[in-house]
Amino acid sequence: MGASTHKATEIRMAEILRRKNMSVTDSRKKILSIFLAHPDALAHGDIEKYAGKKFDRVTVYRTLQTFVDKGILHTIPTADNSVLYALCKDCGEGHHHDDHVHFICSNCSKTYCLDDVVSPTVTLPEGYHAQNVQVLINGICRECTPLEEPEEPEEPSEEQNELEEL
């Protein structure tokens, strides 16, 4: 990372933390920088790995929980009942506005927030009130999708040749 990019990231991290009325600490900056560098959702173990040995499990867990509580991160439930974390957009303290679709790649297992895809409106029966709607789509992400090669024209079958001769 170049000096100007590093400086811009430092400024952005400080702005995010101050906007949420949080003090700027080394552990918060490190964990926030991990999310700014990774576009996909991350598991607790991934964050520990990227943070390095300087940060213990408890520090990472508490920082993640604080970021969720303050609206910096949101959680994404997984099929195996674990949780992934991803950056929020315009979330408030204790209230998340991330009504978007999450995409899980069946090939690489990465989870992405699809911010431009809005969760569908669900009409519930009388007496039911939704508090949160989570939409998970499984498929192949753009990184794992092979570039489509142009199809070569097929040779006409004998039947097609005979029909053309008629």
N, C-alpha and C. Protein backbone atom coordinates (compact mmCIF):
# COMPACT_ATOMS: atom_id res chain seq x y z
N MET A 1 0.84 -1.17 0.00
CA MET A 1 0.00 0.00 0.00
C MET A 1 0.89 1.23 0.00
N GLY A 2 0.62 2.18 -0.92
CA GLY A 2 1.41 3.39 -1.01
C GLY A 2 1.13 4.31 0.17
N ALA A 3 2.02 5.30 0.35
CA ALA A 3 1.88 6.22 1.48
C ALA A 3 0.57 7.00 1.41
N SER A 4 0.19 7.46 0.21
CA SER A 4 -1.05 8.24 0.09
C SER A 4 -2.28 7.37 0.34
N THR A 5 -2.24 6.11 -0.13
CA THR A 5 -3.36 5.19 0.10
C THR A 5 -3.47 4.87 1.59
N HIS A 6 -2.33 4.65 2.24
CA HIS A 6 -2.31 4.36 3.67
C HIS A 6 -2.88 5.53 4.46
N LYS A 7 -2.48 6.74 4.09
CA LYS A 7 -2.96 7.95 4.78
C LYS A 7 -4.47 8.10 4.59
N ALA A 8 -4.96 7.86 3.36
CA ALA A 8 -6.39 7.96 3.09
C ALA A 8 -7.18 6.94 3.91
N THR A 9 -6.64 5.72 4.03
CA THR A 9 -7.29 4.68 4.82
C THR A 9 -7.32 5.07 6.30
N GLU A 10 -6.22 5.63 6.79
CA GLU A 10 -6.16 6.09 8.19
C GLU A 10 -7.22 7.16 8.45
N ILE A 11 -7.34 8.10 7.52
CA ILE A 11 -8.33 9.18 7.67
C ILE A 11 -9.74 8.60 7.65
N ARG A 12 -10.00 7.69 6.72
CA ARG A 12 -11.33 7.08 6.61
C ARG A 12 -11.69 6.32 7.89
N MET A 13 -10.73 5.55 8.42
CA MET A 13 -11.00 4.79 9.65
C MET A 13 -11.31 5.72 10.81
N ALA A 14 -10.53 6.79 10.95
CA ALA A 14 -10.76 7.75 12.03
C ALA A 14 -12.13 8.40 11.89
N GLU A 15 -12.53 8.74 10.65
CA GLU A 15 -13.85 9.34 10.41
C GLU A 15 -14.97 8.39 10.80
N ILE A 16 -14.85 7.13 10.40
CA ILE A 16 -15.88 6.13 10.73
C ILE A 16 -16.03 6.00 12.24
N LEU A 17 -14.92 5.88 12.94
CA LEU A 17 -14.97 5.70 14.40
C LEU A 17 -15.50 6.95 15.10
N ARG A 18 -15.06 8.11 14.68
CA ARG A 18 -15.51 9.35 15.33
C ARG A 18 -16.99 9.62 15.05
N ARG A 19 -17.45 9.29 13.84
CA ARG A 19 -18.86 9.48 13.50
C ARG A 19 -19.75 8.63 14.42
N LYS A 20 -19.22 7.53 14.91
CA LYS A 20 -19.96 6.65 15.82
C LYS A 20 -19.62 6.95 17.29
N ASN A 21 -18.95 8.09 17.51
CA ASN A 21 -18.56 8.52 18.87
C ASN A 21 -17.69 7.49 19.57
N MET A 22 -16.74 6.93 18.83
CA MET A 22 -15.83 5.93 19.39
C MET A 22 -14.42 6.47 19.38
N SER A 23 -13.64 6.12 20.40
CA SER A 23 -12.24 6.52 20.40
C SER A 23 -11.48 5.68 19.38
N VAL A 24 -10.43 6.27 18.85
CA VAL A 24 -9.62 5.60 17.83
C VAL A 24 -8.49 4.85 18.55
N THR A 25 -8.59 3.51 18.58
CA THR A 25 -7.56 2.69 19.23
C THR A 25 -6.89 1.82 18.17
N ASP A 26 -5.74 1.28 18.52
CA ASP A 26 -5.01 0.42 17.58
C ASP A 26 -5.83 -0.81 17.18
N SER A 27 -6.49 -1.44 18.16
CA SER A 27 -7.25 -2.65 17.83
C SER A 27 -8.44 -2.32 16.93
N ARG A 28 -9.12 -1.23 17.18
CA ARG A 28 -10.25 -0.83 16.33
C ARG A 28 -9.78 -0.49 14.92
N LYS A 29 -8.68 0.25 14.84
CA LYS A 29 -8.15 0.60 13.52
C LYS A 29 -7.73 -0.64 12.75
N LYS A 30 -7.07 -1.58 13.40
CA LYS A 30 -6.61 -2.79 12.73
C LYS A 30 -7.78 -3.61 12.21
N ILE A 31 -8.78 -3.83 13.05
CA ILE A 31 -9.92 -4.65 12.63
C ILE A 31 -10.73 -3.93 11.56
N LEU A 32 -10.90 -2.63 11.68
CA LEU A 32 -11.61 -1.88 10.65
C LEU A 32 -10.84 -1.92 9.33
N SER A 33 -9.52 -1.84 9.39
CA SER A 33 -8.71 -1.88 8.16
C SER A 33 -8.85 -3.23 7.45
N ILE A 34 -9.06 -4.29 8.20
CA ILE A 34 -9.26 -5.62 7.61
C ILE A 34 -10.53 -5.62 6.77
N PHE A 35 -11.59 -5.03 7.31
CA PHE A 35 -12.86 -4.98 6.56
C PHE A 35 -12.77 -4.05 5.36
N LEU A 36 -12.03 -2.97 5.48
CA LEU A 36 -11.88 -2.06 4.34
C LEU A 36 -11.08 -2.71 3.22
N ALA A 37 -10.22 -3.66 3.57
CA ALA A 37 -9.37 -4.33 2.57
C ALA A 37 -10.03 -5.56 1.95
N HIS A 38 -11.10 -6.06 2.55
CA HIS A 38 -11.75 -7.28 2.06
C HIS A 38 -13.22 -7.00 1.72
N PRO A 39 -13.60 -7.18 0.46
CA PRO A 39 -14.97 -6.88 0.05
C PRO A 39 -15.98 -7.94 0.48
N ASP A 40 -15.50 -9.10 0.88
CA ASP A 40 -16.41 -10.18 1.26
C ASP A 40 -16.59 -10.20 2.78
N ALA A 41 -17.62 -10.91 3.23
CA ALA A 41 -17.88 -11.05 4.66
C ALA A 41 -16.82 -11.98 5.27
N LEU A 42 -16.52 -11.75 6.53
CA LEU A 42 -15.45 -12.50 7.19
C LEU A 42 -15.94 -13.19 8.46
N ALA A 43 -15.39 -14.35 8.71
CA ALA A 43 -15.66 -15.08 9.95
C ALA A 43 -14.70 -14.60 11.03
N HIS A 44 -15.04 -14.86 12.28
CA HIS A 44 -14.20 -14.47 13.41
C HIS A 44 -12.77 -15.00 13.22
N GLY A 45 -12.65 -16.26 12.79
CA GLY A 45 -11.33 -16.87 12.59
C GLY A 45 -10.51 -16.16 11.52
N ASP A 46 -11.17 -15.72 10.45
CA ASP A 46 -10.47 -14.97 9.39
C ASP A 46 -9.92 -13.67 9.95
N ILE A 47 -10.72 -13.00 10.74
CA ILE A 47 -10.32 -11.71 11.31
C ILE A 47 -9.14 -11.91 12.25
N GLU A 48 -9.18 -12.95 13.07
CA GLU A 48 -8.05 -13.26 13.96
C GLU A 48 -6.77 -13.48 13.15
N LYS A 49 -6.91 -14.23 12.06
CA LYS A 49 -5.75 -14.55 11.22
C LYS A 49 -5.16 -13.27 10.62
N TYR A 50 -6.01 -12.41 10.08
CA TYR A 50 -5.54 -11.17 9.46
C TYR A 50 -5.00 -10.18 10.49
N ALA A 51 -5.54 -10.20 11.70
CA ALA A 51 -5.12 -9.26 12.73
C ALA A 51 -3.73 -9.60 13.28
N GLY A 52 -3.38 -10.88 13.25
CA GLY A 52 -2.07 -11.29 13.74
C GLY A 52 -2.10 -11.63 15.22
N LYS A 53 -0.96 -12.05 15.72
CA LYS A 53 -0.86 -12.54 17.10
C LYS A 53 -1.00 -11.43 18.13
N LYS A 54 -0.87 -10.18 17.70
CA LYS A 54 -0.93 -9.06 18.64
C LYS A 54 -2.30 -8.97 19.32
N PHE A 55 -3.35 -9.43 18.63
CA PHE A 55 -4.71 -9.32 19.15
C PHE A 55 -5.25 -10.69 19.55
N ASP A 56 -5.65 -10.82 20.81
CA ASP A 56 -6.19 -12.10 21.26
C ASP A 56 -7.66 -12.24 20.86
N ARG A 57 -8.17 -13.45 21.02
CA ARG A 57 -9.56 -13.77 20.64
C ARG A 57 -10.58 -12.86 21.29
N VAL A 58 -10.39 -12.58 22.56
CA VAL A 58 -11.35 -11.77 23.31
C VAL A 58 -11.38 -10.34 22.79
N THR A 59 -10.21 -9.77 22.52
CA THR A 59 -10.14 -8.41 21.97
C THR A 59 -10.85 -8.35 20.63
N VAL A 60 -10.60 -9.33 19.78
CA VAL A 60 -11.24 -9.37 18.46
C VAL A 60 -12.75 -9.50 18.64
N TYR A 61 -13.20 -10.41 19.50
CA TYR A 61 -14.63 -10.62 19.72
C TYR A 61 -15.30 -9.34 20.24
N ARG A 62 -14.71 -8.72 21.24
CA ARG A 62 -15.30 -7.51 21.83
C ARG A 62 -15.35 -6.36 20.82
N THR A 63 -14.30 -6.24 20.02
CA THR A 63 -14.27 -5.18 19.01
C THR A 63 -15.35 -5.43 17.96
N LEU A 64 -15.49 -6.68 17.51
CA LEU A 64 -16.54 -7.01 16.54
C LEU A 64 -17.92 -6.71 17.11
N GLN A 65 -18.16 -7.11 18.35
CA GLN A 65 -19.46 -6.87 18.97
C GLN A 65 -19.75 -5.38 19.11
N THR A 66 -18.74 -4.61 19.49
CA THR A 66 -18.90 -3.16 19.59
C THR A 66 -19.22 -2.56 18.23
N PHE A 67 -18.52 -3.02 17.19
CA PHE A 67 -18.78 -2.52 15.83
C PHE A 67 -20.20 -2.87 15.38
N VAL A 68 -20.70 -4.03 15.74
CA VAL A 68 -22.08 -4.41 15.39
C VAL A 68 -23.05 -3.50 16.16
N ASP A 69 -22.80 -3.33 17.47
CA ASP A 69 -23.68 -2.50 18.30
C ASP A 69 -23.73 -1.05 17.82
N LYS A 70 -22.61 -0.54 17.32
CA LYS A 70 -22.51 0.85 16.87
C LYS A 70 -22.94 1.04 15.42
N GLY A 71 -23.23 -0.05 14.71
CA GLY A 71 -23.67 0.07 13.32
C GLY A 71 -22.55 0.19 12.31
N ILE A 72 -21.35 -0.25 12.67
CA ILE A 72 -20.23 -0.26 11.72
C ILE A 72 -20.24 -1.56 10.93
N LEU A 73 -20.55 -2.65 11.61
CA LEU A 73 -20.62 -3.97 10.98
C LEU A 73 -22.03 -4.54 11.14
N HIS A 74 -22.39 -5.46 10.27
CA HIS A 74 -23.61 -6.24 10.47
C HIS A 74 -23.24 -7.71 10.38
N THR A 75 -24.09 -8.53 10.96
CA THR A 75 -23.83 -9.97 10.97
C THR A 75 -24.66 -10.65 9.89
N ILE A 76 -24.13 -11.76 9.42
CA ILE A 76 -24.79 -12.57 8.41
C ILE A 76 -24.81 -14.00 8.94
N PRO A 77 -25.99 -14.55 9.19
CA PRO A 77 -26.04 -15.93 9.67
C PRO A 77 -25.67 -16.89 8.55
N THR A 78 -25.07 -18.00 8.92
CA THR A 78 -24.69 -19.00 7.93
C THR A 78 -25.49 -20.28 8.15
N ALA A 79 -25.41 -21.17 7.20
CA ALA A 79 -26.15 -22.44 7.27
C ALA A 79 -25.72 -23.29 8.46
N ASP A 80 -24.46 -23.15 8.89
CA ASP A 80 -23.98 -23.96 10.01
C ASP A 80 -24.11 -23.24 11.35
N ASN A 81 -24.97 -22.23 11.40
CA ASN A 81 -25.26 -21.46 12.62
C ASN A 81 -24.09 -20.65 13.15
N SER A 82 -23.11 -20.37 12.31
CA SER A 82 -22.06 -19.45 12.72
C SER A 82 -22.42 -18.08 12.16
N VAL A 83 -21.55 -17.11 12.35
CA VAL A 83 -21.85 -15.74 11.93
C VAL A 83 -20.68 -15.19 11.13
N LEU A 84 -21.01 -14.45 10.09
CA LEU A 84 -20.02 -13.70 9.34
C LEU A 84 -20.26 -12.22 9.61
N TYR A 85 -19.23 -11.41 9.40
CA TYR A 85 -19.32 -9.97 9.63
C TYR A 85 -19.00 -9.23 8.34
N ALA A 86 -19.71 -8.12 8.10
CA ALA A 86 -19.45 -7.29 6.92
C ALA A 86 -19.71 -5.84 7.28
N LEU A 87 -19.07 -4.94 6.55
CA LEU A 87 -19.26 -3.51 6.78
C LEU A 87 -20.69 -3.09 6.50
N CYS A 88 -21.20 -2.20 7.31
CA CYS A 88 -22.54 -1.63 7.11
C CYS A 88 -22.44 -0.40 6.22
N LYS A 89 -23.57 -0.07 5.64
CA LYS A 89 -23.71 1.20 4.94
C LYS A 89 -24.87 1.93 5.59
N ASP A 90 -24.60 3.10 6.13
CA ASP A 90 -25.64 3.96 6.72
C ASP A 90 -26.44 3.29 7.82
N CYS A 91 -25.79 2.53 8.67
CA CYS A 91 -26.50 1.90 9.79
C CYS A 91 -26.37 2.80 11.02
N GLY A 92 -27.36 2.74 11.87
CA GLY A 92 -27.32 3.50 13.10
C GLY A 92 -27.03 2.58 14.27
N GLU A 93 -26.79 3.19 15.40
CA GLU A 93 -26.50 2.40 16.60
C GLU A 93 -27.70 1.56 16.98
N GLY A 94 -27.51 0.26 17.03
CA GLY A 94 -28.57 -0.66 17.42
C GLY A 94 -29.62 -0.91 16.35
N HIS A 95 -29.49 -0.28 15.18
CA HIS A 95 -30.47 -0.49 14.11
C HIS A 95 -29.75 -0.56 12.77
N HIS A 96 -29.90 -1.69 12.11
CA HIS A 96 -29.20 -1.90 10.85
C HIS A 96 -30.14 -1.71 9.67
N HIS A 97 -29.65 -0.98 8.68
CA HIS A 97 -30.43 -0.70 7.47
C HIS A 97 -29.94 -1.54 6.31
N ASP A 98 -29.31 -2.63 6.57
CA ASP A 98 -28.74 -3.44 5.51
C ASP A 98 -29.75 -4.44 4.97
N ASP A 99 -30.79 -3.91 4.35
CA ASP A 99 -31.80 -4.76 3.72
C ASP A 99 -31.37 -5.07 2.30
N HIS A 100 -30.30 -5.78 2.20
CA HIS A 100 -29.80 -6.18 0.89
C HIS A 100 -29.58 -7.69 0.89
N VAL A 101 -29.26 -8.18 -0.27
CA VAL A 101 -29.08 -9.62 -0.46
C VAL A 101 -27.63 -10.00 -0.14
N HIS A 102 -27.45 -11.16 0.46
CA HIS A 102 -26.12 -11.72 0.67
C HIS A 102 -25.96 -12.89 -0.28
N PHE A 103 -24.80 -12.95 -0.93
CA PHE A 103 -24.53 -13.98 -1.93
C PHE A 103 -23.41 -14.87 -1.42
N ILE A 104 -23.66 -16.18 -1.37
CA ILE A 104 -22.65 -17.14 -0.92
C ILE A 104 -22.21 -17.95 -2.12
N CYS A 105 -20.91 -17.91 -2.41
CA CYS A 105 -20.37 -18.65 -3.55
C CYS A 105 -20.22 -20.12 -3.18
N SER A 106 -20.82 -20.97 -3.98
CA SER A 106 -20.75 -22.42 -3.75
C SER A 106 -19.37 -22.98 -4.06
N ASN A 107 -18.57 -22.21 -4.79
CA ASN A 107 -17.25 -22.68 -5.19
C ASN A 107 -16.17 -22.28 -4.17
N CYS A 108 -16.06 -20.97 -3.88
CA CYS A 108 -14.98 -20.50 -2.99
C CYS A 108 -15.45 -20.25 -1.56
N SER A 109 -16.75 -20.33 -1.31
CA SER A 109 -17.36 -20.16 0.01
C SER A 109 -17.33 -18.72 0.54
N LYS A 110 -16.95 -17.75 -0.29
CA LYS A 110 -16.97 -16.36 0.15
C LYS A 110 -18.42 -15.86 0.16
N THR A 111 -18.68 -14.93 1.07
CA THR A 111 -20.00 -14.32 1.16
C THR A 111 -19.87 -12.84 0.85
N TYR A 112 -20.70 -12.35 -0.04
CA TYR A 112 -20.67 -10.96 -0.47
C TYR A 112 -21.98 -10.26 -0.15
N CYS A 113 -21.90 -8.98 0.20
CA CYS A 113 -23.08 -8.14 0.32
C CYS A 113 -23.37 -7.57 -1.06
N LEU A 114 -24.56 -7.80 -1.56
CA LEU A 114 -24.97 -7.24 -2.84
C LEU A 114 -25.82 -6.01 -2.53
N ASP A 115 -25.15 -4.89 -2.30
CA ASP A 115 -25.81 -3.67 -1.85
C ASP A 115 -26.83 -3.13 -2.84
N ASP A 116 -26.64 -3.39 -4.11
CA ASP A 116 -27.56 -2.87 -5.13
C ASP A 116 -28.79 -3.74 -5.32
N VAL A 117 -28.82 -4.88 -4.66
CA VAL A 117 -29.98 -5.78 -4.77
C VAL A 117 -30.78 -5.66 -3.48
N VAL A 118 -31.97 -5.13 -3.58
CA VAL A 118 -32.81 -4.91 -2.40
C VAL A 118 -33.58 -6.19 -2.09
N SER A 119 -33.70 -6.47 -0.80
CA SER A 119 -34.49 -7.64 -0.38
C SER A 119 -35.94 -7.45 -0.81
N PRO A 120 -36.56 -8.52 -1.26
CA PRO A 120 -37.96 -8.40 -1.69
C PRO A 120 -38.88 -8.12 -0.49
N THR A 121 -39.98 -7.45 -0.78
CA THR A 121 -40.97 -7.19 0.25
C THR A 121 -41.76 -8.48 0.49
N VAL A 122 -41.92 -8.82 1.74
CA VAL A 122 -42.63 -10.04 2.10
C VAL A 122 -43.92 -9.66 2.82
N THR A 123 -45.03 -10.16 2.35
CA THR A 123 -46.31 -9.93 3.01
C THR A 123 -46.57 -11.09 3.96
N LEU A 124 -46.69 -10.76 5.22
CA LEU A 124 -46.90 -11.78 6.25
C LEU A 124 -48.38 -11.87 6.61
N PRO A 125 -48.79 -13.03 7.12
CA PRO A 125 -50.17 -13.17 7.57
C PRO A 125 -50.46 -12.22 8.74
N GLU A 126 -51.72 -11.94 8.95
CA GLU A 126 -52.13 -11.06 10.03
C GLU A 126 -51.59 -11.58 11.37
N GLY A 127 -51.09 -10.65 12.17
CA GLY A 127 -50.56 -11.02 13.47
C GLY A 127 -49.05 -11.25 13.48
N TYR A 128 -48.42 -11.30 12.31
CA TYR A 128 -46.98 -11.48 12.21
C TYR A 128 -46.34 -10.15 11.82
N HIS A 129 -45.21 -9.82 12.47
CA HIS A 129 -44.52 -8.57 12.19
C HIS A 129 -43.03 -8.86 12.02
N ALA A 130 -42.51 -8.62 10.84
CA ALA A 130 -41.09 -8.87 10.56
C ALA A 130 -40.23 -7.83 11.26
N GLN A 131 -39.16 -8.27 11.85
CA GLN A 131 -38.19 -7.36 12.44
C GLN A 131 -36.95 -7.27 11.57
N ASN A 132 -36.72 -8.31 10.79
CA ASN A 132 -35.52 -8.36 9.96
C ASN A 132 -35.78 -9.35 8.84
N VAL A 133 -35.33 -9.04 7.65
CA VAL A 133 -35.44 -9.97 6.52
C VAL A 133 -34.03 -10.26 6.02
N GLN A 134 -33.67 -11.52 5.98
CA GLN A 134 -32.36 -11.94 5.49
C GLN A 134 -32.56 -12.75 4.22
N VAL A 135 -31.93 -12.33 3.14
CA VAL A 135 -32.01 -13.09 1.90
C VAL A 135 -30.61 -13.58 1.56
N LEU A 136 -30.47 -14.90 1.48
CA LEU A 136 -29.19 -15.52 1.13
C LEU A 136 -29.36 -16.22 -0.22
N ILE A 137 -28.47 -15.90 -1.14
CA ILE A 137 -28.49 -16.55 -2.44
C ILE A 137 -27.21 -17.36 -2.58
N ASN A 138 -27.35 -18.61 -2.96
CA ASN A 138 -26.19 -19.47 -3.23
C ASN A 138 -25.97 -19.54 -4.72
N GLY A 139 -24.73 -19.52 -5.14
CA GLY A 139 -24.41 -19.60 -6.56
C GLY A 139 -22.91 -19.49 -6.76
N ILE A 140 -22.50 -19.10 -7.94
CA ILE A 140 -21.08 -18.94 -8.28
C ILE A 140 -20.79 -17.45 -8.43
N CYS A 141 -19.80 -16.95 -7.70
CA CYS A 141 -19.45 -15.53 -7.75
C CYS A 141 -18.71 -15.19 -9.04
N ARG A 142 -18.57 -13.90 -9.29
CA ARG A 142 -17.92 -13.47 -10.54
C ARG A 142 -16.45 -13.87 -10.59
N GLU A 143 -15.79 -13.98 -9.44
CA GLU A 143 -14.38 -14.41 -9.44
C GLU A 143 -14.24 -15.87 -9.85
N CYS A 144 -15.24 -16.68 -9.52
CA CYS A 144 -15.19 -18.11 -9.82
C CYS A 144 -15.85 -18.46 -11.15
N THR A 145 -16.59 -17.53 -11.73
CA THR A 145 -17.26 -17.79 -13.00
C THR A 145 -16.23 -17.70 -14.11
N PRO A 146 -16.04 -18.78 -14.85
CA PRO A 146 -15.06 -18.73 -15.94
C PRO A 146 -15.56 -17.78 -17.02
N LEU A 147 -14.61 -17.11 -17.65
CA LEU A 147 -14.97 -16.24 -18.77
C LEU A 147 -15.54 -17.11 -19.87
N GLU A 148 -16.68 -16.70 -20.37
CA GLU A 148 -17.31 -17.49 -21.41
C GLU A 148 -16.57 -17.28 -22.72
N GLU A 149 -16.18 -18.40 -23.32
CA GLU A 149 -15.51 -18.33 -24.61
C GLU A 149 -16.57 -18.36 -25.69
N PRO A 150 -16.32 -17.64 -26.79
CA PRO A 150 -17.33 -17.64 -27.86
C PRO A 150 -17.53 -19.05 -28.40
N GLU A 151 -18.79 -19.37 -28.62
CA GLU A 151 -19.11 -20.69 -29.13
C GLU A 151 -18.74 -20.78 -30.60
N GLU A 152 -18.13 -21.91 -30.95
CA GLU A 152 -17.81 -22.14 -32.35
C GLU A 152 -19.07 -22.63 -33.05
N PRO A 153 -19.26 -22.19 -34.28
CA PRO A 153 -20.47 -22.64 -34.99
C PRO A 153 -20.44 -24.15 -35.16
N GLU A 154 -21.61 -24.74 -34.95
CA GLU A 154 -21.72 -26.19 -35.08
C GLU A 154 -21.76 -26.56 -36.56
N GLU A 155 -21.18 -27.71 -36.84
CA GLU A 155 -21.27 -28.25 -38.20
C GLU A 155 -22.70 -28.70 -38.43
N PRO A 156 -23.27 -28.37 -39.58
CA PRO A 156 -24.64 -28.83 -39.85
C PRO A 156 -24.70 -30.35 -39.92
N SER A 157 -25.76 -30.89 -39.36
CA SER A 157 -25.94 -32.34 -39.39
C SER A 157 -26.31 -32.77 -40.80
N GLU A 158 -26.20 -34.08 -41.05
CA GLU A 158 -26.58 -34.61 -42.36
C GLU A 158 -28.04 -34.31 -42.66
N GLU A 159 -28.86 -34.39 -41.62
CA GLU A 159 -30.29 -34.12 -41.78
C GLU A 159 -30.53 -32.69 -42.24
N GLN A 160 -29.79 -31.73 -41.60
CA GLN A 160 -29.94 -30.33 -41.97
C GLN A 160 -29.47 -30.10 -43.40
N ASN A 161 -28.38 -30.75 -43.80
CA ASN A 161 -27.87 -30.61 -45.17
C ASN A 161 -28.89 -31.13 -46.17
N GLU A 162 -29.51 -32.26 -45.85
CA GLU A 162 -30.51 -32.83 -46.75
C GLU A 162 -31.71 -31.91 -46.89
N LEU A 163 -32.14 -31.30 -45.76
CA LEU A 163 -33.28 -30.40 -45.80
C LEU A 163 -32.98 -29.16 -46.63
N GLU A 164 -31.75 -28.65 -46.51
CA GLU A 164 -31.37 -27.47 -47.28
C GLU A 164 -31.33 -27.76 -48.77
N GLU A 165 -30.98 -28.99 -49.14
CA GLU A 165 -30.92 -29.35 -50.56
C GLU A 165 -32.31 -29.42 -51.17
N LEU A 166 -33.33 -29.67 -50.35
CA LEU A 166 -34.70 -29.77 -50.87
C LEU A 166 -35.17 -28.43 -51.21
